[in-house]
Amino acid sequence: ILSYLNNYQGKEILEVGNVLSQYFGKHYPTVDRQEKDYNAILSDIVDFKSDKKFDLIVSISTMEHVGTEDDHARGTEKGEIIPDKILIAIENIKSLLNKYSKFVFTVPKGYNRDLDKKLCCCPNFGGLNLDKMICMKRISEDNQWIECNYTEIAQEEYGKPFPFANAIIIGEING
């Protein structure tokens, strides 16, 4: 993600989910339903509208919560799962992109089974219509990672054998 941010320096950038400021001190306009950071726009990404178009939209470990019991989506009961909400969110994000721009996101494999199914080796990556997918596999407890193909992480579980993510998918959608 930092590489993308460096390549888009000086361009219009939006973050979905307030993560960059927590780890890297980077502050970009951010859409987040819960964060009250000074830069955050309090909105669900499926509802967010803007007259401004963006050259790069990034999301780190946020999209896996969309439509799940963690989501607590406006208008739904706590705990209600809405598996296709991710598709609605991505369509809305695509509408915020300039021509020749990108949406890049990371999600941990195994955290959201419905999203995992949409990301498996199906045509067009299960309806997400990704232009590129990179898979990373955690190989040590001290957080070392290697790039691999999807078949090498297909059976990876969240939290096993190491705490938290053991495989990460990086998705890219071009505007």
N, C-alpha and C. Protein backbone atom coordinates (compact mmCIF):
# COMPACT_ATOMS: atom_id res chain seq x y z
N ILE A 1 0.84 -1.20 0.00
CA ILE A 1 0.00 0.00 0.00
C ILE A 1 0.88 1.25 0.00
N LEU A 2 1.95 1.20 0.78
CA LEU A 2 2.84 2.37 0.80
C LEU A 2 3.45 2.63 -0.57
N SER A 3 3.74 1.59 -1.31
CA SER A 3 4.27 1.75 -2.66
C SER A 3 3.26 2.48 -3.55
N TYR A 4 1.99 2.08 -3.46
CA TYR A 4 0.95 2.77 -4.23
C TYR A 4 0.86 4.23 -3.81
N LEU A 5 0.88 4.48 -2.50
CA LEU A 5 0.78 5.85 -2.01
C LEU A 5 1.94 6.70 -2.53
N ASN A 6 3.14 6.13 -2.55
CA ASN A 6 4.29 6.86 -3.07
C ASN A 6 4.13 7.16 -4.56
N ASN A 7 3.58 6.21 -5.31
CA ASN A 7 3.38 6.41 -6.74
C ASN A 7 2.29 7.44 -7.05
N TYR A 8 1.40 7.67 -6.10
CA TYR A 8 0.29 8.60 -6.32
C TYR A 8 0.44 9.88 -5.50
N GLN A 9 1.65 10.16 -5.05
CA GLN A 9 1.90 11.38 -4.27
C GLN A 9 1.46 12.60 -5.07
N GLY A 10 0.76 13.50 -4.41
CA GLY A 10 0.26 14.71 -5.06
C GLY A 10 -1.05 14.52 -5.79
N LYS A 11 -1.57 13.31 -5.80
CA LYS A 11 -2.84 13.01 -6.46
C LYS A 11 -3.95 12.96 -5.41
N GLU A 12 -5.18 12.82 -5.86
CA GLU A 12 -6.32 12.72 -4.95
C GLU A 12 -6.40 11.29 -4.41
N ILE A 13 -6.22 11.15 -3.09
CA ILE A 13 -6.20 9.85 -2.43
C ILE A 13 -7.28 9.81 -1.36
N LEU A 14 -7.96 8.68 -1.25
CA LEU A 14 -8.97 8.44 -0.22
C LEU A 14 -8.67 7.10 0.43
N GLU A 15 -8.83 7.04 1.74
CA GLU A 15 -8.69 5.78 2.46
C GLU A 15 -10.06 5.33 2.96
N VAL A 16 -10.35 4.04 2.84
CA VAL A 16 -11.57 3.45 3.40
C VAL A 16 -11.15 2.67 4.63
N GLY A 17 -11.59 3.12 5.80
CA GLY A 17 -11.17 2.53 7.07
C GLY A 17 -9.92 3.24 7.55
N ASN A 18 -9.93 3.74 8.76
CA ASN A 18 -8.81 4.53 9.27
C ASN A 18 -7.71 3.62 9.80
N VAL A 19 -6.78 3.23 8.93
CA VAL A 19 -5.69 2.34 9.32
C VAL A 19 -4.33 3.01 9.14
N LEU A 20 -4.13 3.71 8.03
CA LEU A 20 -2.82 4.30 7.74
C LEU A 20 -2.33 5.20 8.88
N SER A 21 -3.20 6.01 9.43
CA SER A 21 -2.77 6.93 10.49
C SER A 21 -2.35 6.19 11.75
N GLN A 22 -2.90 5.01 11.97
CA GLN A 22 -2.57 4.24 13.17
C GLN A 22 -1.20 3.58 13.08
N TYR A 23 -0.78 3.22 11.87
CA TYR A 23 0.48 2.51 11.72
C TYR A 23 1.60 3.35 11.13
N PHE A 24 1.26 4.28 10.25
CA PHE A 24 2.30 4.99 9.52
C PHE A 24 2.27 6.50 9.73
N GLY A 25 1.30 7.00 10.49
CA GLY A 25 1.20 8.44 10.69
C GLY A 25 0.76 9.18 9.44
N LYS A 26 0.34 8.46 8.43
CA LYS A 26 -0.14 9.09 7.19
C LYS A 26 -1.58 9.55 7.40
N HIS A 27 -1.88 10.73 6.93
CA HIS A 27 -3.24 11.24 7.07
C HIS A 27 -3.77 11.64 5.70
N TYR A 28 -4.73 10.88 5.25
CA TYR A 28 -5.43 11.16 4.00
C TYR A 28 -6.90 11.28 4.33
N PRO A 29 -7.69 11.93 3.47
CA PRO A 29 -9.13 11.90 3.71
C PRO A 29 -9.56 10.43 3.86
N THR A 30 -10.36 10.17 4.88
CA THR A 30 -10.72 8.81 5.24
C THR A 30 -12.22 8.69 5.44
N VAL A 31 -12.80 7.62 4.89
CA VAL A 31 -14.20 7.28 5.15
C VAL A 31 -14.18 6.13 6.13
N ASP A 32 -14.84 6.32 7.27
CA ASP A 32 -14.89 5.28 8.29
C ASP A 32 -16.17 5.46 9.08
N ARG A 33 -16.87 4.37 9.33
CA ARG A 33 -18.15 4.45 10.03
C ARG A 33 -18.00 4.73 11.51
N GLN A 34 -16.84 4.39 12.10
CA GLN A 34 -16.71 4.46 13.54
C GLN A 34 -15.65 5.43 14.04
N GLU A 35 -14.56 5.60 13.31
CA GLU A 35 -13.45 6.42 13.79
C GLU A 35 -13.85 7.88 13.91
N LYS A 36 -13.38 8.50 14.94
CA LYS A 36 -13.64 9.92 15.13
C LYS A 36 -12.35 10.72 14.95
N ASP A 37 -11.42 10.17 14.16
CA ASP A 37 -10.17 10.85 13.83
C ASP A 37 -10.50 12.19 13.17
N TYR A 38 -9.64 13.17 13.35
CA TYR A 38 -9.93 14.49 12.80
C TYR A 38 -10.11 14.48 11.28
N ASN A 39 -9.55 13.51 10.63
CA ASN A 39 -9.61 13.45 9.18
C ASN A 39 -10.73 12.56 8.67
N ALA A 40 -11.38 11.80 9.54
CA ALA A 40 -12.35 10.80 9.09
C ALA A 40 -13.70 11.41 8.75
N ILE A 41 -14.26 10.92 7.66
CA ILE A 41 -15.63 11.25 7.26
C ILE A 41 -16.48 10.11 7.79
N LEU A 42 -17.35 10.39 8.74
CA LEU A 42 -18.15 9.33 9.36
C LEU A 42 -19.26 8.91 8.40
N SER A 43 -19.03 7.79 7.73
CA SER A 43 -20.00 7.28 6.77
C SER A 43 -19.69 5.82 6.48
N ASP A 44 -20.73 5.06 6.21
CA ASP A 44 -20.58 3.71 5.69
C ASP A 44 -20.16 3.86 4.23
N ILE A 45 -19.22 3.06 3.77
CA ILE A 45 -18.73 3.21 2.40
C ILE A 45 -19.82 2.97 1.37
N VAL A 46 -20.83 2.19 1.67
CA VAL A 46 -21.91 1.98 0.69
C VAL A 46 -22.77 3.23 0.53
N ASP A 47 -22.75 4.12 1.53
CA ASP A 47 -23.55 5.34 1.50
C ASP A 47 -22.76 6.57 1.11
N PHE A 48 -21.43 6.48 1.13
CA PHE A 48 -20.58 7.65 0.91
C PHE A 48 -20.70 8.16 -0.53
N LYS A 49 -20.94 9.44 -0.66
CA LYS A 49 -21.00 10.10 -1.97
C LYS A 49 -20.05 11.28 -1.94
N SER A 50 -19.49 11.60 -3.09
CA SER A 50 -18.58 12.73 -3.19
C SER A 50 -18.63 13.30 -4.60
N ASP A 51 -18.57 14.64 -4.69
CA ASP A 51 -18.45 15.28 -6.00
C ASP A 51 -17.03 15.12 -6.53
N LYS A 52 -16.09 14.91 -5.61
CA LYS A 52 -14.69 14.74 -5.97
C LYS A 52 -14.46 13.30 -6.40
N LYS A 53 -13.63 13.12 -7.42
CA LYS A 53 -13.20 11.80 -7.86
C LYS A 53 -11.76 11.60 -7.37
N PHE A 54 -11.37 10.35 -7.20
CA PHE A 54 -10.07 10.05 -6.60
C PHE A 54 -9.20 9.27 -7.59
N ASP A 55 -7.89 9.51 -7.49
CA ASP A 55 -6.92 8.81 -8.32
C ASP A 55 -6.53 7.48 -7.69
N LEU A 56 -6.57 7.42 -6.37
CA LEU A 56 -6.23 6.20 -5.64
C LEU A 56 -7.12 6.11 -4.41
N ILE A 57 -7.75 4.96 -4.25
CA ILE A 57 -8.50 4.65 -3.03
C ILE A 57 -7.87 3.40 -2.45
N VAL A 58 -7.51 3.46 -1.16
CA VAL A 58 -6.87 2.33 -0.50
C VAL A 58 -7.68 1.91 0.71
N SER A 59 -7.57 0.63 1.05
CA SER A 59 -8.24 0.10 2.23
C SER A 59 -7.40 -1.05 2.78
N ILE A 60 -7.00 -0.93 4.02
CA ILE A 60 -6.18 -1.95 4.67
C ILE A 60 -7.02 -2.66 5.72
N SER A 61 -7.18 -3.96 5.55
CA SER A 61 -7.88 -4.81 6.53
C SER A 61 -9.19 -4.19 7.02
N THR A 62 -10.00 -3.75 6.08
CA THR A 62 -11.30 -3.16 6.39
C THR A 62 -12.42 -3.84 5.62
N MET A 63 -12.20 -4.13 4.36
CA MET A 63 -13.26 -4.65 3.50
C MET A 63 -13.81 -5.99 3.99
N GLU A 64 -13.01 -6.75 4.74
CA GLU A 64 -13.50 -8.04 5.24
C GLU A 64 -14.60 -7.89 6.29
N HIS A 65 -14.79 -6.68 6.80
CA HIS A 65 -15.84 -6.43 7.80
C HIS A 65 -17.17 -6.02 7.15
N VAL A 66 -17.12 -5.61 5.89
CA VAL A 66 -18.32 -5.11 5.21
C VAL A 66 -19.33 -6.25 5.04
N GLY A 67 -20.52 -6.05 5.57
CA GLY A 67 -21.60 -7.02 5.45
C GLY A 67 -21.57 -8.15 6.45
N THR A 68 -20.67 -8.11 7.41
CA THR A 68 -20.57 -9.18 8.41
C THR A 68 -21.17 -8.73 9.73
N GLU A 69 -21.14 -9.63 10.70
CA GLU A 69 -21.65 -9.28 12.02
C GLU A 69 -20.84 -8.15 12.65
N ASP A 70 -19.59 -7.94 12.20
CA ASP A 70 -18.79 -6.82 12.72
C ASP A 70 -19.30 -5.49 12.19
N ASP A 71 -20.01 -5.55 11.09
CA ASP A 71 -20.39 -4.35 10.36
C ASP A 71 -21.41 -3.50 11.12
N HIS A 72 -22.42 -4.14 11.69
CA HIS A 72 -23.52 -3.42 12.36
C HIS A 72 -24.06 -2.33 11.42
N ALA A 73 -24.33 -2.75 10.19
CA ALA A 73 -24.74 -1.81 9.15
C ALA A 73 -25.97 -1.02 9.56
N ARG A 74 -26.00 0.24 9.15
CA ARG A 74 -27.15 1.10 9.40
C ARG A 74 -28.38 0.43 8.82
N GLY A 75 -29.42 0.33 9.59
CA GLY A 75 -30.67 -0.26 9.12
C GLY A 75 -30.73 -1.77 9.29
N THR A 76 -29.69 -2.36 9.87
CA THR A 76 -29.72 -3.80 10.11
C THR A 76 -29.56 -4.05 11.59
N GLU A 77 -30.01 -5.20 12.02
CA GLU A 77 -29.85 -5.58 13.41
C GLU A 77 -28.42 -6.04 13.65
N LYS A 78 -27.92 -5.78 14.86
CA LYS A 78 -26.59 -6.25 15.22
C LYS A 78 -26.53 -7.76 14.97
N GLY A 79 -25.47 -8.18 14.29
CA GLY A 79 -25.30 -9.59 14.03
C GLY A 79 -25.82 -10.04 12.69
N GLU A 80 -26.57 -9.20 11.97
CA GLU A 80 -27.08 -9.61 10.67
C GLU A 80 -25.96 -9.63 9.65
N ILE A 81 -25.89 -10.69 8.89
CA ILE A 81 -24.86 -10.84 7.87
C ILE A 81 -25.47 -10.54 6.51
N ILE A 82 -24.80 -9.68 5.74
CA ILE A 82 -25.27 -9.29 4.42
C ILE A 82 -24.13 -9.58 3.43
N PRO A 83 -24.01 -10.84 2.98
CA PRO A 83 -22.85 -11.25 2.16
C PRO A 83 -22.61 -10.40 0.91
N ASP A 84 -23.65 -9.94 0.24
CA ASP A 84 -23.44 -9.18 -1.00
C ASP A 84 -23.21 -7.69 -0.77
N LYS A 85 -23.19 -7.26 0.47
CA LYS A 85 -22.92 -5.85 0.74
C LYS A 85 -21.53 -5.46 0.24
N ILE A 86 -20.59 -6.39 0.24
CA ILE A 86 -19.25 -6.11 -0.27
C ILE A 86 -19.31 -5.71 -1.75
N LEU A 87 -20.19 -6.36 -2.52
CA LEU A 87 -20.32 -6.03 -3.94
C LEU A 87 -20.88 -4.61 -4.11
N ILE A 88 -21.83 -4.24 -3.26
CA ILE A 88 -22.40 -2.89 -3.31
C ILE A 88 -21.33 -1.87 -2.93
N ALA A 89 -20.55 -2.18 -1.91
CA ALA A 89 -19.47 -1.28 -1.47
C ALA A 89 -18.45 -1.07 -2.59
N ILE A 90 -18.05 -2.14 -3.24
CA ILE A 90 -17.06 -2.03 -4.31
C ILE A 90 -17.61 -1.24 -5.50
N GLU A 91 -18.87 -1.44 -5.83
CA GLU A 91 -19.47 -0.65 -6.92
C GLU A 91 -19.47 0.84 -6.56
N ASN A 92 -19.77 1.16 -5.30
CA ASN A 92 -19.75 2.55 -4.89
C ASN A 92 -18.33 3.12 -4.95
N ILE A 93 -17.36 2.35 -4.50
CA ILE A 93 -15.96 2.79 -4.56
C ILE A 93 -15.55 3.04 -6.01
N LYS A 94 -15.93 2.14 -6.91
CA LYS A 94 -15.60 2.33 -8.33
C LYS A 94 -16.20 3.62 -8.88
N SER A 95 -17.37 4.00 -8.37
CA SER A 95 -18.00 5.24 -8.85
C SER A 95 -17.24 6.49 -8.37
N LEU A 96 -16.36 6.32 -7.39
CA LEU A 96 -15.58 7.43 -6.85
C LEU A 96 -14.22 7.59 -7.54
N LEU A 97 -13.91 6.67 -8.44
CA LEU A 97 -12.60 6.68 -9.10
C LEU A 97 -12.60 7.54 -10.36
N ASN A 98 -11.47 8.23 -10.57
CA ASN A 98 -11.20 8.88 -11.84
C ASN A 98 -10.88 7.82 -12.89
N LYS A 99 -10.90 8.21 -14.14
CA LYS A 99 -10.42 7.33 -15.20
C LYS A 99 -8.93 7.11 -14.98
N TYR A 100 -8.45 5.92 -15.23
CA TYR A 100 -7.04 5.54 -15.05
C TYR A 100 -6.60 5.58 -13.59
N SER A 101 -7.50 5.32 -12.68
CA SER A 101 -7.18 5.33 -11.25
C SER A 101 -7.30 3.91 -10.71
N LYS A 102 -7.05 3.75 -9.39
CA LYS A 102 -7.05 2.41 -8.80
C LYS A 102 -7.70 2.41 -7.42
N PHE A 103 -8.34 1.27 -7.13
CA PHE A 103 -8.75 0.93 -5.77
C PHE A 103 -7.91 -0.28 -5.39
N VAL A 104 -7.15 -0.16 -4.30
CA VAL A 104 -6.29 -1.23 -3.83
C VAL A 104 -6.67 -1.53 -2.39
N PHE A 105 -6.90 -2.82 -2.10
CA PHE A 105 -7.30 -3.19 -0.75
C PHE A 105 -6.59 -4.47 -0.32
N THR A 106 -6.46 -4.61 1.00
CA THR A 106 -5.93 -5.85 1.57
C THR A 106 -6.99 -6.45 2.48
N VAL A 107 -7.07 -7.78 2.46
CA VAL A 107 -7.96 -8.50 3.37
C VAL A 107 -7.24 -9.76 3.84
N PRO A 108 -7.44 -10.12 5.11
CA PRO A 108 -6.86 -11.37 5.59
C PRO A 108 -7.69 -12.56 5.12
N LYS A 109 -7.05 -13.55 4.56
CA LYS A 109 -7.73 -14.78 4.13
C LYS A 109 -8.23 -15.52 5.37
N GLY A 110 -9.46 -16.00 5.31
CA GLY A 110 -10.01 -16.81 6.38
C GLY A 110 -10.83 -16.04 7.41
N TYR A 111 -10.79 -14.73 7.36
CA TYR A 111 -11.55 -13.94 8.34
C TYR A 111 -13.03 -13.88 7.97
N ASN A 112 -13.32 -13.71 6.69
CA ASN A 112 -14.69 -13.59 6.19
C ASN A 112 -14.88 -14.65 5.10
N ARG A 113 -15.55 -15.74 5.46
CA ARG A 113 -15.71 -16.88 4.54
C ARG A 113 -16.47 -16.49 3.27
N ASP A 114 -17.47 -15.62 3.38
CA ASP A 114 -18.22 -15.20 2.19
C ASP A 114 -17.31 -14.41 1.24
N LEU A 115 -16.49 -13.54 1.78
CA LEU A 115 -15.55 -12.80 0.94
C LEU A 115 -14.51 -13.73 0.35
N ASP A 116 -14.04 -14.69 1.13
CA ASP A 116 -13.08 -15.68 0.61
C ASP A 116 -13.64 -16.38 -0.62
N LYS A 117 -14.93 -16.74 -0.58
CA LYS A 117 -15.55 -17.41 -1.72
C LYS A 117 -15.57 -16.49 -2.95
N LYS A 118 -15.78 -15.20 -2.71
CA LYS A 118 -15.81 -14.25 -3.81
C LYS A 118 -14.41 -14.00 -4.37
N LEU A 119 -13.39 -14.28 -3.57
CA LEU A 119 -12.00 -14.05 -4.00
C LEU A 119 -11.32 -15.30 -4.55
N CYS A 120 -11.97 -16.45 -4.44
CA CYS A 120 -11.33 -17.68 -4.90
C CYS A 120 -11.12 -17.62 -6.41
N CYS A 121 -10.57 -18.65 -6.96
CA CYS A 121 -10.19 -18.65 -8.38
C CYS A 121 -11.40 -18.79 -9.30
N CYS A 122 -12.42 -18.03 -9.10
CA CYS A 122 -13.61 -18.03 -9.97
C CYS A 122 -13.39 -17.00 -11.07
N PRO A 123 -14.11 -17.11 -12.18
CA PRO A 123 -13.99 -16.08 -13.23
C PRO A 123 -14.28 -14.71 -12.62
N ASN A 124 -13.48 -13.76 -12.97
CA ASN A 124 -13.60 -12.40 -12.45
C ASN A 124 -13.57 -12.35 -10.93
N PHE A 125 -12.92 -13.32 -10.32
CA PHE A 125 -12.75 -13.36 -8.88
C PHE A 125 -14.08 -13.22 -8.15
N GLY A 126 -15.04 -14.07 -8.49
CA GLY A 126 -16.29 -14.17 -7.76
C GLY A 126 -17.18 -12.95 -7.82
N GLY A 127 -17.11 -12.18 -8.87
CA GLY A 127 -17.97 -11.02 -9.00
C GLY A 127 -17.35 -9.73 -8.52
N LEU A 128 -16.16 -9.80 -7.93
CA LEU A 128 -15.50 -8.58 -7.48
C LEU A 128 -14.83 -7.86 -8.64
N ASN A 129 -14.65 -8.56 -9.76
CA ASN A 129 -14.05 -7.98 -10.97
C ASN A 129 -12.71 -7.32 -10.69
N LEU A 130 -11.83 -8.06 -10.03
CA LEU A 130 -10.48 -7.56 -9.76
C LEU A 130 -9.67 -7.54 -11.04
N ASP A 131 -8.83 -6.53 -11.18
CA ASP A 131 -7.90 -6.48 -12.29
C ASP A 131 -6.60 -7.18 -11.94
N LYS A 132 -6.33 -7.27 -10.65
CA LYS A 132 -5.09 -7.92 -10.19
C LYS A 132 -5.32 -8.43 -8.78
N MET A 133 -4.73 -9.60 -8.50
CA MET A 133 -4.79 -10.14 -7.14
C MET A 133 -3.41 -10.67 -6.79
N ILE A 134 -2.90 -10.23 -5.65
CA ILE A 134 -1.61 -10.70 -5.14
C ILE A 134 -1.89 -11.42 -3.82
N CYS A 135 -1.28 -12.56 -3.64
CA CYS A 135 -1.46 -13.33 -2.42
C CYS A 135 -0.14 -13.36 -1.64
N MET A 136 -0.25 -13.19 -0.35
CA MET A 136 0.91 -13.22 0.54
C MET A 136 0.64 -14.26 1.62
N LYS A 137 1.67 -15.05 1.94
CA LYS A 137 1.55 -16.08 2.96
C LYS A 137 2.56 -15.81 4.07
N ARG A 138 2.05 -15.87 5.29
CA ARG A 138 2.91 -15.68 6.47
C ARG A 138 3.65 -16.98 6.72
N ILE A 139 4.98 -16.89 6.89
CA ILE A 139 5.79 -18.11 7.03
C ILE A 139 6.47 -18.22 8.39
N SER A 140 6.26 -17.23 9.26
CA SER A 140 6.89 -17.31 10.57
C SER A 140 6.11 -16.51 11.60
N GLU A 141 6.31 -16.87 12.84
CA GLU A 141 5.63 -16.15 13.92
C GLU A 141 6.12 -14.70 14.03
N ASP A 142 7.37 -14.46 13.57
CA ASP A 142 7.90 -13.10 13.65
C ASP A 142 7.54 -12.26 12.42
N ASN A 143 6.44 -12.66 11.74
CA ASN A 143 5.79 -11.84 10.73
C ASN A 143 6.57 -11.72 9.42
N GLN A 144 7.17 -12.80 8.96
CA GLN A 144 7.80 -12.83 7.64
C GLN A 144 6.78 -13.37 6.64
N TRP A 145 6.78 -12.78 5.44
CA TRP A 145 5.78 -13.09 4.42
C TRP A 145 6.47 -13.39 3.10
N ILE A 146 5.80 -14.22 2.28
CA ILE A 146 6.25 -14.47 0.91
C ILE A 146 5.06 -14.31 -0.02
N GLU A 147 5.34 -13.90 -1.26
CA GLU A 147 4.29 -13.84 -2.27
C GLU A 147 4.08 -15.25 -2.82
N CYS A 148 2.82 -15.58 -3.08
CA CYS A 148 2.49 -16.91 -3.58
C CYS A 148 1.26 -16.82 -4.46
N ASN A 149 0.78 -17.96 -4.96
CA ASN A 149 -0.46 -17.95 -5.73
C ASN A 149 -1.61 -18.37 -4.82
N TYR A 150 -2.83 -18.19 -5.32
CA TYR A 150 -4.00 -18.44 -4.48
C TYR A 150 -4.08 -19.88 -4.00
N THR A 151 -3.72 -20.82 -4.84
CA THR A 151 -3.82 -22.23 -4.42
C THR A 151 -2.97 -22.52 -3.18
N GLU A 152 -1.88 -21.76 -3.00
CA GLU A 152 -1.01 -21.97 -1.84
C GLU A 152 -1.61 -21.43 -0.54
N ILE A 153 -2.62 -20.57 -0.64
CA ILE A 153 -3.25 -20.04 0.57
C ILE A 153 -4.72 -20.45 0.71
N ALA A 154 -5.21 -21.23 -0.25
CA ALA A 154 -6.64 -21.58 -0.28
C ALA A 154 -7.12 -22.20 1.02
N GLN A 155 -6.30 -22.97 1.70
CA GLN A 155 -6.71 -23.64 2.93
C GLN A 155 -6.27 -22.90 4.20
N GLU A 156 -5.61 -21.75 4.05
CA GLU A 156 -5.14 -21.01 5.23
C GLU A 156 -6.31 -20.52 6.07
N GLU A 157 -6.12 -20.56 7.37
CA GLU A 157 -7.14 -20.09 8.31
C GLU A 157 -6.64 -18.87 9.05
N TYR A 158 -7.58 -18.03 9.41
CA TYR A 158 -7.26 -16.86 10.21
C TYR A 158 -6.94 -17.34 11.63
N GLY A 159 -5.81 -16.93 12.17
CA GLY A 159 -5.44 -17.28 13.54
C GLY A 159 -4.70 -18.59 13.69
N LYS A 160 -4.49 -19.36 12.58
CA LYS A 160 -3.80 -20.64 12.66
C LYS A 160 -2.81 -20.74 11.50
N PRO A 161 -1.61 -21.11 11.67
CA PRO A 161 -0.98 -21.52 12.92
C PRO A 161 -0.49 -20.35 13.76
N PHE A 162 -0.41 -19.17 13.16
CA PHE A 162 0.07 -17.99 13.89
C PHE A 162 -1.12 -17.10 14.24
N PRO A 163 -0.99 -16.28 15.28
CA PRO A 163 -2.09 -15.37 15.63
C PRO A 163 -2.42 -14.41 14.48
N PHE A 164 -3.67 -14.10 14.34
CA PHE A 164 -4.18 -13.15 13.34
C PHE A 164 -4.01 -13.68 11.93
N ALA A 165 -3.68 -12.81 10.97
CA ALA A 165 -3.65 -13.20 9.56
C ALA A 165 -2.47 -14.12 9.27
N ASN A 166 -2.74 -15.18 8.51
CA ASN A 166 -1.70 -16.08 8.03
C ASN A 166 -1.58 -16.02 6.51
N ALA A 167 -2.52 -15.35 5.89
CA ALA A 167 -2.48 -15.10 4.46
C ALA A 167 -3.24 -13.80 4.21
N ILE A 168 -2.75 -13.03 3.25
CA ILE A 168 -3.37 -11.75 2.91
C ILE A 168 -3.56 -11.71 1.40
N ILE A 169 -4.71 -11.19 1.02
CA ILE A 169 -4.99 -10.97 -0.40
C ILE A 169 -4.97 -9.47 -0.64
N ILE A 170 -4.25 -9.08 -1.68
CA ILE A 170 -4.20 -7.68 -2.10
C ILE A 170 -4.95 -7.62 -3.43
N GLY A 171 -6.04 -6.88 -3.45
CA GLY A 171 -6.85 -6.77 -4.65
C GLY A 171 -6.68 -5.40 -5.29
N GLU A 172 -6.74 -5.36 -6.60
CA GLU A 172 -6.62 -4.09 -7.33
C GLU A 172 -7.73 -4.03 -8.36
N ILE A 173 -8.43 -2.90 -8.37
CA ILE A 173 -9.48 -2.63 -9.35
C ILE A 173 -9.13 -1.32 -10.03
N ASN A 174 -9.06 -1.34 -11.34
CA ASN A 174 -8.73 -0.13 -12.10
C ASN A 174 -9.99 0.66 -12.42
N GLY A 175 -9.85 1.98 -12.39
CA GLY A 175 -10.97 2.87 -12.70
C GLY A 175 -11.21 3.00 -14.17
